[in-house]
Amino acid sequence: MGLFGKSFEEKVEEALQDIRSKIPEVKGLAAALDGKIVTLTGEAPDKETRSKVMQGFSSMVEADNVVNGMRIAAAPAPERHGPPAPEDAAAARQTVRLHEVVSGDTLGGIAKKYYGNAGQYMKIFEANRDQLDDPNLIKVGQRLKIPD
């Protein structure tokens, strides 16, 4: 324990333990830290459980960003003839990253952070059309999906 309370690492571990006890169906839940950016990993049985873990963690730990690196457990594959469809292979490799908008953020600045090129801002805008109508109007606290 630090001089002024729990360290960031201790808060992260405490949150992980709490989530593990409340959502035991998530296997191998762990966190990788890069400063105050946290990447959660593990395997959830479905998207809803994965979202519940992300929301629970974000409500317990004040991080600069929480990246969702959790996998969805593979469901038994339907019987198939021939090679897998290319879109199935792409979906299996895709991970979801989230960025919580803070004061001063712009889509261009967020694109520069994740892609190294501010001009890629439309990629983020298109991935978040469910909550954005204008690429120039983002709000503090929004959680934006950052596509690969």
Protein backbone atom coordinates (compact mmCIF):
# COMPACT_ATOMS: atom_id res chain seq x y z
CA MET A 1 0.00 0.00 0.00
CA GLY A 2 1.36 3.39 -0.98
CA LEU A 3 1.77 6.37 1.28
CA PHE A 4 -1.53 7.87 0.09
CA GLY A 5 -3.62 4.71 -0.15
CA LYS A 6 -3.64 1.87 -2.60
CA SER A 7 -1.43 1.99 -5.67
CA PHE A 8 -2.98 1.82 -9.15
CA GLU A 9 -1.70 -1.76 -9.48
CA GLU A 10 -3.36 -2.73 -6.18
CA LYS A 11 -6.66 -1.18 -7.28
CA VAL A 12 -6.49 -3.12 -10.56
CA GLU A 13 -5.80 -6.42 -8.77
CA GLU A 14 -8.58 -5.78 -6.26
CA ALA A 15 -11.03 -5.08 -9.10
CA LEU A 16 -9.96 -8.28 -10.91
CA GLN A 17 -10.50 -10.34 -7.75
CA ASP A 18 -13.94 -8.81 -7.27
CA ILE A 19 -14.94 -9.53 -10.88
CA ARG A 20 -13.57 -13.09 -10.68
CA SER A 21 -15.74 -13.75 -7.62
CA LYS A 22 -18.87 -12.17 -9.13
CA ILE A 23 -18.47 -13.53 -12.69
CA PRO A 24 -16.73 -16.91 -12.29
CA GLU A 25 -17.60 -18.01 -15.84
CA VAL A 26 -14.84 -15.70 -17.18
CA LYS A 27 -11.70 -17.81 -17.52
CA GLY A 28 -8.16 -16.49 -17.07
CA LEU A 29 -9.13 -12.87 -16.36
CA ALA A 30 -5.94 -10.79 -16.20
CA ALA A 31 -4.77 -7.25 -16.81
CA ALA A 32 -1.68 -5.84 -18.51
CA LEU A 33 -0.70 -2.32 -17.49
CA ASP A 34 0.99 0.35 -19.55
CA GLY A 35 0.97 3.35 -17.24
CA LYS A 36 -2.73 3.93 -16.55
CA ILE A 37 -3.85 2.08 -19.70
CA VAL A 38 -5.21 -1.35 -18.80
CA THR A 39 -5.68 -4.23 -21.25
CA LEU A 40 -8.03 -6.90 -19.92
CA THR A 41 -7.54 -10.44 -21.21
CA GLY A 42 -9.31 -13.72 -20.63
CA GLU A 43 -12.18 -15.68 -22.10
CA ALA A 44 -15.85 -14.82 -21.63
CA PRO A 45 -18.68 -17.16 -22.61
CA ASP A 46 -20.49 -14.44 -24.60
CA LYS A 47 -20.49 -10.75 -25.57
CA GLU A 48 -22.85 -9.77 -22.76
CA THR A 49 -20.53 -11.22 -20.11
CA ARG A 50 -17.52 -9.56 -21.74
CA SER A 51 -19.36 -6.21 -21.63
CA LYS A 52 -20.33 -6.78 -18.00
CA VAL A 53 -16.65 -7.34 -17.11
CA MET A 54 -15.58 -4.17 -18.95
CA GLN A 55 -18.28 -2.07 -17.30
CA GLY A 56 -17.60 -3.51 -13.85
CA PHE A 57 -13.86 -2.94 -14.14
CA SER A 58 -14.30 0.61 -15.45
CA SER A 59 -16.60 1.46 -12.54
CA MET A 60 -14.01 0.23 -10.00
CA VAL A 61 -10.75 1.56 -11.47
CA GLU A 62 -10.10 5.04 -12.81
CA ALA A 63 -7.82 4.30 -15.77
CA ASP A 64 -6.86 6.51 -18.71
CA ASN A 65 -8.20 3.76 -20.99
CA VAL A 66 -9.39 0.17 -20.65
CA VAL A 67 -8.70 -1.99 -23.70
CA ASN A 68 -10.86 -5.06 -24.22
CA GLY A 69 -8.55 -7.94 -25.16
CA MET A 70 -10.95 -10.64 -23.95
CA ARG A 71 -11.96 -13.46 -26.28
CA ILE A 72 -15.40 -14.98 -26.62
CA ALA A 73 -15.37 -18.72 -25.91
CA ALA A 74 -15.70 -20.70 -29.10
CA ALA A 75 -19.15 -22.19 -29.50
CA PRO A 76 -19.35 -25.65 -30.99
CA ALA A 77 -18.95 -25.12 -34.70
CA PRO A 78 -21.82 -26.15 -36.93
CA GLU A 79 -20.98 -28.97 -39.28
CA ARG A 80 -19.45 -27.41 -42.34
CA HIS A 81 -18.17 -28.66 -45.65
CA GLY A 82 -15.17 -26.97 -47.24
CA PRO A 83 -12.77 -24.32 -45.91
CA PRO A 84 -13.93 -21.62 -43.48
CA ALA A 85 -15.30 -18.44 -45.00
CA PRO A 86 -12.76 -15.55 -45.06
CA GLU A 87 -15.06 -13.31 -42.99
CA ASP A 88 -15.11 -15.97 -40.20
CA ALA A 89 -11.31 -15.95 -40.03
CA ALA A 90 -11.19 -12.13 -39.90
CA ALA A 91 -13.81 -11.98 -37.13
CA ALA A 92 -11.86 -14.49 -35.06
CA ARG A 93 -8.72 -12.29 -35.16
CA GLN A 94 -10.50 -9.03 -34.37
CA THR A 95 -10.30 -7.58 -30.86
CA VAL A 96 -12.28 -4.65 -29.58
CA ARG A 97 -10.44 -1.66 -28.17
CA LEU A 98 -12.31 1.11 -26.37
CA HIS A 99 -11.28 4.69 -25.81
CA GLU A 100 -13.07 6.86 -23.26
CA VAL A 101 -13.24 10.45 -24.52
CA VAL A 102 -11.63 13.00 -22.22
CA SER A 103 -11.64 16.78 -22.39
CA GLY A 104 -9.64 17.98 -25.39
CA ASP A 105 -9.98 14.77 -27.41
CA THR A 106 -10.77 14.91 -31.11
CA LEU A 107 -11.29 12.01 -33.47
CA GLY A 108 -8.11 13.10 -35.28
CA GLY A 109 -6.13 13.05 -32.03
CA ILE A 110 -7.53 9.66 -31.07
CA ALA A 111 -6.69 8.30 -34.55
CA LYS A 112 -3.13 9.62 -34.21
CA LYS A 113 -2.79 7.87 -30.83
CA TYR A 114 -4.00 4.47 -32.08
CA TYR A 115 -2.97 4.50 -35.75
CA GLY A 116 -0.16 7.07 -35.87
CA ASN A 117 -2.17 9.06 -38.45
CA ALA A 118 -4.83 11.67 -37.60
CA GLY A 119 -6.27 11.22 -41.09
CA GLN A 120 -7.67 7.83 -40.03
CA TYR A 121 -10.35 9.54 -37.89
CA MET A 122 -13.16 8.44 -40.25
CA LYS A 123 -12.37 4.80 -39.45
CA ILE A 124 -13.24 5.53 -35.80
CA PHE A 125 -16.26 7.63 -36.78
CA GLU A 126 -17.69 4.86 -38.99
CA ALA A 127 -17.19 2.25 -36.26
CA ASN A 128 -19.18 4.43 -33.84
CA ARG A 129 -22.09 5.57 -36.03
CA ASP A 130 -24.42 4.12 -33.39
CA GLN A 131 -23.45 6.98 -31.05
CA LEU A 132 -21.94 9.63 -33.36
CA ASP A 133 -23.75 11.71 -35.97
CA ASP A 134 -20.95 14.18 -36.68
CA PRO A 135 -17.18 13.47 -36.49
CA ASN A 136 -16.69 16.92 -34.96
CA LEU A 137 -19.09 16.31 -32.07
CA ILE A 138 -17.73 13.86 -29.53
CA LYS A 139 -18.52 14.13 -25.84
CA VAL A 140 -16.45 13.58 -22.72
CA GLY A 141 -17.22 10.15 -21.26
CA GLN A 142 -18.23 8.47 -24.53
CA ARG A 143 -16.64 5.06 -25.02
CA LEU A 144 -15.58 4.79 -28.63
CA LYS A 145 -14.74 1.53 -30.37
CA ILE A 146 -11.30 1.63 -31.99
CA PRO A 147 -11.30 -0.84 -34.90
CA ASP A 148 -8.09 -2.61 -35.96
